[in-house]
Amino acid sequence: MTEPSGKPLDPSSPPPAAPEEAELADMVQELRPMFPNAAPFLARFLPQSDPSHTGLSHHFCDLHGFLKFLHEQGWYGYLHATLGDQQAFVLLFEGRTVTAAAASATGEQALGELLSLYEQGAQLSAHPLPAQLAHVLSGIGSRAWKFNLTEDFTGLHARPGGAIFYVKGEITATMPATLPYEGAFPAPLRPQTLILPRSLAGWAHHHYALTLRGKDALNAITDMHQTFRAKHGQPGLAFMRALGEDLSPAEYAMRTDVALHDLEPMVQDFLTGGLIREH
């Protein structure tokens, strides 16, 4: 166990005095919850943030296109969709969807819930966050873990008196939001991208076999290879090779950290071009 300063505790000497509240307030940022009465764990710890985009609906904004735009921007923040009394929340890190929550779901299922609500007419808003805060929040899932402060702990510690945001063992922010019990949400070193559930992105979970044309596309001595490389480049070749090794697009996206919405048009092009076929 270490103090937030990162120095080991010396059992032979008394622990340093805790900073006064006023001193602590000068050292860390006091955040206000955006959704203080929310039930999902992720939602109750989202900080107040003026939206960069608000009032979006499927009538004039394609959500997959918007997510692609945020991915290209390397955006940090959260999306909030509301339809009547239904809500869904998705956190983005580097423009990638990394954790999500809805009334009765978390993770991929909650991401699917947000998309479903949007297609039903939900209003969507996007709230930017500093990268550091987005990283701290990226570990919030359906359950909290026992808190163990180490020199490199990054994540959120929820306790009866409120929540503490840690980055590498240092307190960076506090928030008057709590859990029914004390616990911690460690942030992953590098948050992984959520993949849409099979019900919403069946194509991503299918396996594909290369046709003879597809095999020619990977053979450097063929004209087909030159044509394919000119159109899809090295990323297309790597993806085609992975499909030939029996990886599904979802598995490939997880391994390479490529966004699924970048792979979908390639899959469609490979299918219509006769380069691959479904198993």
Protein backbone atom coordinates (compact mmCIF):
# COMPACT_ATOMS: atom_id res chain seq x y z
CA MET A 1 0.00 0.00 0.00
CA THR A 2 1.34 3.44 -0.79
CA GLU A 3 0.29 6.94 -0.04
CA PRO A 4 -1.09 8.94 -3.02
CA SER A 5 2.34 10.55 -3.29
CA GLY A 6 3.69 7.20 -4.41
CA LYS A 7 6.18 6.90 -1.44
CA PRO A 8 6.14 3.57 0.45
CA LEU A 9 4.70 3.61 3.95
CA ASP A 10 7.37 3.30 6.65
CA PRO A 11 6.00 1.10 9.45
CA SER A 12 8.59 2.49 11.90
CA SER A 13 7.33 6.04 11.61
CA PRO A 14 3.84 7.48 11.97
CA PRO A 15 1.94 8.03 8.74
CA PRO A 16 1.96 11.58 7.37
CA ALA A 17 -0.97 13.72 8.36
CA ALA A 18 -3.82 13.79 5.88
CA PRO A 19 -4.14 17.11 4.06
CA GLU A 20 -6.74 19.50 5.33
CA GLU A 21 -9.91 19.70 3.22
CA ALA A 22 -9.03 23.19 2.04
CA GLU A 23 -5.56 22.02 1.05
CA LEU A 24 -7.00 19.00 -0.76
CA ALA A 25 -9.43 21.26 -2.62
CA ASP A 26 -6.48 23.28 -3.92
CA MET A 27 -4.73 20.12 -5.11
CA VAL A 28 -7.54 18.33 -6.92
CA GLN A 29 -10.49 19.13 -9.13
CA GLU A 30 -14.00 18.91 -7.67
CA LEU A 31 -16.30 17.44 -10.31
CA ARG A 32 -20.09 17.60 -10.32
CA PRO A 33 -22.10 14.57 -11.53
CA MET A 34 -24.05 15.05 -14.74
CA PHE A 35 -26.60 12.37 -13.80
CA PRO A 36 -26.61 12.26 -9.98
CA ASN A 37 -29.69 10.05 -9.69
CA ALA A 38 -28.78 7.55 -12.41
CA ALA A 39 -28.89 3.84 -11.60
CA PRO A 40 -26.13 2.55 -13.96
CA PHE A 41 -22.72 2.80 -12.31
CA LEU A 42 -21.08 4.44 -15.31
CA ALA A 43 -23.76 7.13 -15.57
CA ARG A 44 -23.58 8.27 -11.95
CA PHE A 45 -19.85 9.04 -12.22
CA LEU A 46 -19.97 10.96 -15.53
CA PRO A 47 -18.89 14.58 -14.87
CA GLN A 48 -20.87 17.62 -15.95
CA SER A 49 -19.79 18.67 -19.45
CA ASP A 50 -21.35 21.05 -21.95
CA PRO A 51 -22.26 19.05 -25.07
CA SER A 52 -20.27 19.58 -28.25
CA HIS A 53 -23.20 18.06 -30.17
CA THR A 54 -26.79 17.92 -28.97
CA GLY A 55 -30.25 17.13 -30.26
CA LEU A 56 -28.95 14.59 -32.77
CA SER A 57 -31.52 12.17 -34.18
CA HIS A 58 -31.53 9.47 -36.83
CA HIS A 59 -33.68 11.66 -39.12
CA PHE A 60 -30.68 13.79 -40.07
CA CYS A 61 -27.58 12.11 -38.58
CA ASP A 62 -26.40 8.56 -39.26
CA LEU A 63 -25.03 7.27 -35.96
CA HIS A 64 -22.44 4.97 -37.56
CA GLY A 65 -21.22 7.95 -39.60
CA PHE A 66 -21.06 10.08 -36.45
CA LEU A 67 -19.08 7.39 -34.61
CA LYS A 68 -16.69 7.20 -37.56
CA PHE A 69 -16.27 11.00 -37.39
CA LEU A 70 -15.50 10.84 -33.65
CA HIS A 71 -13.04 7.99 -34.27
CA GLU A 72 -11.21 10.02 -36.89
CA GLN A 73 -11.03 12.95 -34.44
CA GLY A 74 -9.62 10.75 -31.66
CA TRP A 75 -12.42 12.16 -29.48
CA TYR A 76 -12.76 11.72 -25.71
CA GLY A 77 -16.08 11.97 -23.91
CA TYR A 78 -19.45 10.29 -23.55
CA LEU A 79 -22.66 9.88 -25.54
CA HIS A 80 -26.06 10.07 -23.89
CA ALA A 81 -29.23 8.85 -25.60
CA THR A 82 -32.67 9.40 -24.11
CA LEU A 83 -36.09 8.25 -25.28
CA GLY A 84 -38.91 8.80 -22.79
CA ASP A 85 -37.66 7.32 -19.53
CA GLN A 86 -35.09 5.09 -21.28
CA GLN A 87 -31.43 6.14 -21.30
CA ALA A 88 -28.13 4.74 -22.47
CA PHE A 89 -24.57 5.98 -21.94
CA VAL A 90 -21.41 5.19 -23.90
CA LEU A 91 -17.87 6.34 -23.05
CA LEU A 92 -15.42 7.05 -25.88
CA PHE A 93 -11.63 6.95 -25.54
CA GLU A 94 -9.52 8.01 -28.54
CA GLY A 95 -12.78 7.99 -30.50
CA ARG A 96 -13.41 4.33 -29.63
CA THR A 97 -16.42 3.03 -27.68
CA VAL A 98 -14.84 1.43 -24.60
CA THR A 99 -17.57 1.06 -21.96
CA ALA A 100 -21.33 1.53 -21.86
CA ALA A 101 -24.31 1.29 -19.55
CA ALA A 102 -28.09 1.21 -19.83
CA ALA A 103 -30.89 0.36 -17.40
CA SER A 104 -30.26 -3.38 -17.35
CA ALA A 105 -27.12 -3.87 -19.42
CA THR A 106 -23.45 -2.96 -19.60
CA GLY A 107 -20.70 -3.31 -22.17
CA GLU A 108 -21.57 -4.49 -25.67
CA GLN A 109 -25.24 -5.04 -24.87
CA ALA A 110 -25.56 -1.47 -23.58
CA LEU A 111 -23.86 -0.16 -26.72
CA GLY A 112 -26.45 -2.07 -28.70
CA GLU A 113 -29.16 -0.53 -26.50
CA LEU A 114 -27.95 2.99 -27.34
CA LEU A 115 -28.03 2.22 -31.06
CA SER A 116 -31.48 0.67 -30.72
CA LEU A 117 -32.85 3.70 -28.85
CA TYR A 118 -31.36 6.01 -31.47
CA GLU A 119 -33.04 4.11 -34.29
CA GLN A 120 -36.34 4.38 -32.40
CA GLY A 121 -36.04 8.18 -32.31
CA ALA A 122 -33.94 8.92 -29.21
CA GLN A 123 -32.19 12.26 -28.88
CA LEU A 124 -28.42 11.98 -28.66
CA SER A 125 -25.85 14.34 -27.17
CA ALA A 126 -22.05 14.13 -27.08
CA HIS A 127 -20.16 15.53 -24.08
CA PRO A 128 -16.37 15.98 -24.36
CA LEU A 129 -14.02 15.10 -21.50
CA PRO A 130 -10.29 15.51 -20.89
CA ALA A 131 -8.43 12.38 -21.97
CA GLN A 132 -7.28 11.69 -18.41
CA LEU A 133 -10.83 11.65 -17.03
CA ALA A 134 -12.02 9.42 -19.86
CA HIS A 135 -9.24 6.98 -19.02
CA VAL A 136 -10.19 6.89 -15.32
CA LEU A 137 -13.84 6.20 -16.21
CA SER A 138 -13.03 3.50 -18.80
CA GLY A 139 -12.87 0.77 -16.16
CA ILE A 140 -16.44 1.19 -14.88
CA GLY A 141 -18.47 -1.92 -15.57
CA SER A 142 -21.22 -3.86 -13.84
CA ARG A 143 -19.35 -4.50 -10.59
CA ALA A 144 -16.79 -2.83 -8.35
CA TRP A 145 -13.66 -4.47 -6.98
CA LYS A 146 -11.84 -4.28 -3.66
CA PHE A 147 -9.83 -1.07 -3.54
CA ASN A 148 -6.06 -1.43 -3.39
CA LEU A 149 -4.09 1.77 -3.84
CA THR A 150 -0.78 1.12 -5.55
CA GLU A 151 1.75 3.47 -7.08
CA ASP A 152 0.31 2.89 -10.55
CA PHE A 153 -3.42 2.65 -9.69
CA THR A 154 -5.53 4.45 -12.28
CA GLY A 155 -9.27 4.31 -11.85
CA LEU A 156 -12.13 5.33 -9.62
CA HIS A 157 -12.61 4.63 -5.90
CA ALA A 158 -16.20 4.97 -4.70
CA ARG A 159 -16.83 5.28 -0.96
CA PRO A 160 -19.63 6.55 1.31
CA GLY A 161 -18.23 10.08 1.24
CA GLY A 162 -17.96 10.31 -2.54
CA ALA A 163 -15.75 9.19 -5.41
CA ILE A 164 -12.03 9.75 -5.92
CA PHE A 165 -10.38 9.76 -9.37
CA TYR A 166 -6.84 8.37 -9.39
CA VAL A 167 -4.16 8.55 -12.08
CA LYS A 168 -1.01 6.52 -11.37
CA GLY A 169 -1.63 6.59 -7.63
CA GLU A 170 -2.31 10.32 -7.49
CA ILE A 171 -5.68 11.88 -6.65
CA THR A 172 -6.68 14.08 -9.57
CA ALA A 173 -10.37 14.73 -8.90
CA THR A 174 -13.25 14.04 -6.51
CA MET A 175 -17.00 13.83 -7.03
CA PRO A 176 -19.98 13.69 -4.63
CA ALA A 177 -21.31 10.45 -6.13
CA THR A 178 -21.46 7.08 -4.40
CA LEU A 179 -22.20 3.36 -4.74
CA PRO A 180 -24.39 1.26 -2.45
CA TYR A 181 -21.06 -0.16 -1.17
CA GLU A 182 -17.39 0.76 -1.24
CA GLY A 183 -15.40 -0.44 -4.21
CA ALA A 184 -13.03 0.43 -7.00
CA PHE A 185 -13.06 0.39 -10.79
CA PRO A 186 -9.47 -0.02 -12.03
CA ALA A 187 -8.94 1.42 -15.50
CA PRO A 188 -7.27 -0.85 -18.07
CA LEU A 189 -3.84 0.22 -19.26
CA ARG A 190 -5.31 0.55 -22.74
CA PRO A 191 -9.11 0.42 -22.91
CA GLN A 192 -10.41 -2.11 -25.44
CA THR A 193 -13.00 -1.28 -28.07
CA LEU A 194 -16.52 -2.60 -27.57
CA ILE A 195 -17.80 -4.75 -30.41
CA LEU A 196 -21.49 -4.65 -31.30
CA PRO A 197 -23.44 -7.72 -30.15
CA ARG A 198 -24.14 -10.40 -32.75
CA SER A 199 -27.81 -9.41 -32.99
CA LEU A 200 -26.84 -5.98 -34.33
CA ALA A 201 -23.69 -6.82 -36.30
CA GLY A 202 -24.05 -10.41 -37.40
CA TRP A 203 -21.69 -9.89 -40.33
CA ALA A 204 -18.87 -9.04 -37.91
CA HIS A 205 -19.13 -12.41 -36.16
CA HIS A 206 -19.32 -14.52 -39.33
CA HIS A 207 -16.36 -16.44 -40.71
CA TYR A 208 -15.42 -16.12 -44.38
CA ALA A 209 -13.46 -18.27 -46.80
CA LEU A 210 -11.25 -16.90 -49.58
CA THR A 211 -12.28 -17.71 -53.14
CA LEU A 212 -9.68 -18.28 -55.85
CA ARG A 213 -9.94 -14.57 -56.68
CA GLY A 214 -9.34 -13.75 -53.03
CA LYS A 215 -6.28 -15.96 -52.92
CA ASP A 216 -5.00 -14.29 -56.07
CA ALA A 217 -5.43 -10.92 -54.35
CA LEU A 218 -2.89 -12.05 -51.74
CA ASN A 219 -0.45 -13.45 -54.33
CA ALA A 220 2.09 -10.73 -55.14
CA ILE A 221 2.81 -12.07 -58.64
CA THR A 222 -0.77 -11.68 -59.90
CA ASP A 223 -2.44 -8.74 -61.59
CA MET A 224 -5.31 -9.16 -59.12
CA HIS A 225 -2.89 -8.42 -56.28
CA GLN A 226 -1.80 -5.14 -57.85
CA THR A 227 -5.41 -4.07 -58.42
CA PHE A 228 -6.45 -5.04 -54.89
CA ARG A 229 -3.44 -3.32 -53.30
CA ALA A 230 -4.12 -0.12 -55.22
CA LYS A 231 -7.70 -0.07 -53.97
CA HIS A 232 -7.38 -1.29 -50.37
CA GLY A 233 -3.72 -0.79 -49.51
CA GLN A 234 -1.81 -2.64 -46.80
CA PRO A 235 -4.73 -2.52 -44.32
CA GLY A 236 -6.92 -4.36 -46.82
CA LEU A 237 -4.28 -6.99 -47.47
CA ALA A 238 -3.80 -7.58 -43.73
CA PHE A 239 -7.56 -7.90 -43.21
CA MET A 240 -7.98 -10.26 -46.17
CA ARG A 241 -5.12 -12.41 -44.89
CA ALA A 242 -6.78 -12.58 -41.44
CA LEU A 243 -10.10 -13.67 -42.98
CA GLY A 244 -8.20 -16.41 -44.79
CA GLU A 245 -6.84 -17.53 -41.40
CA ASP A 246 -10.45 -17.98 -40.19
CA LEU A 247 -10.62 -14.87 -38.03
CA SER A 248 -14.02 -13.16 -37.96
CA PRO A 249 -14.05 -9.37 -38.50
CA ALA A 250 -14.95 -8.92 -34.81
CA GLU A 251 -11.95 -11.01 -33.71
CA TYR A 252 -9.70 -9.10 -36.11
CA ALA A 253 -10.98 -5.75 -34.78
CA MET A 254 -10.27 -6.82 -31.20
CA ARG A 255 -6.74 -8.00 -32.00
CA THR A 256 -5.71 -5.01 -34.08
CA ASP A 257 -7.76 -2.22 -32.45
CA VAL A 258 -9.33 -1.37 -35.82
CA ALA A 259 -12.83 0.13 -35.74
CA LEU A 260 -15.56 -2.19 -37.03
CA HIS A 261 -17.11 0.59 -39.09
CA ASP A 262 -13.86 0.72 -41.09
CA LEU A 263 -14.08 -3.03 -41.80
CA GLU A 264 -17.74 -3.25 -42.81
CA PRO A 265 -17.36 -1.56 -46.23
CA MET A 266 -14.36 -3.78 -46.99
CA VAL A 267 -16.34 -6.92 -46.14
CA GLN A 268 -19.15 -5.80 -48.42
CA ASP A 269 -16.69 -4.99 -51.21
CA PHE A 270 -14.91 -8.35 -50.81
CA LEU A 271 -18.26 -10.18 -51.00
CA THR A 272 -19.61 -8.31 -54.03
CA GLY A 273 -16.22 -8.64 -55.75
CA GLY A 274 -16.26 -12.41 -55.31
CA LEU A 275 -13.10 -12.41 -53.15
CA ILE A 276 -14.67 -14.08 -50.12
CA ARG A 277 -17.77 -16.09 -49.28
CA GLU A 278 -19.45 -16.90 -46.00
CA HIS A 279 -18.63 -20.27 -44.45
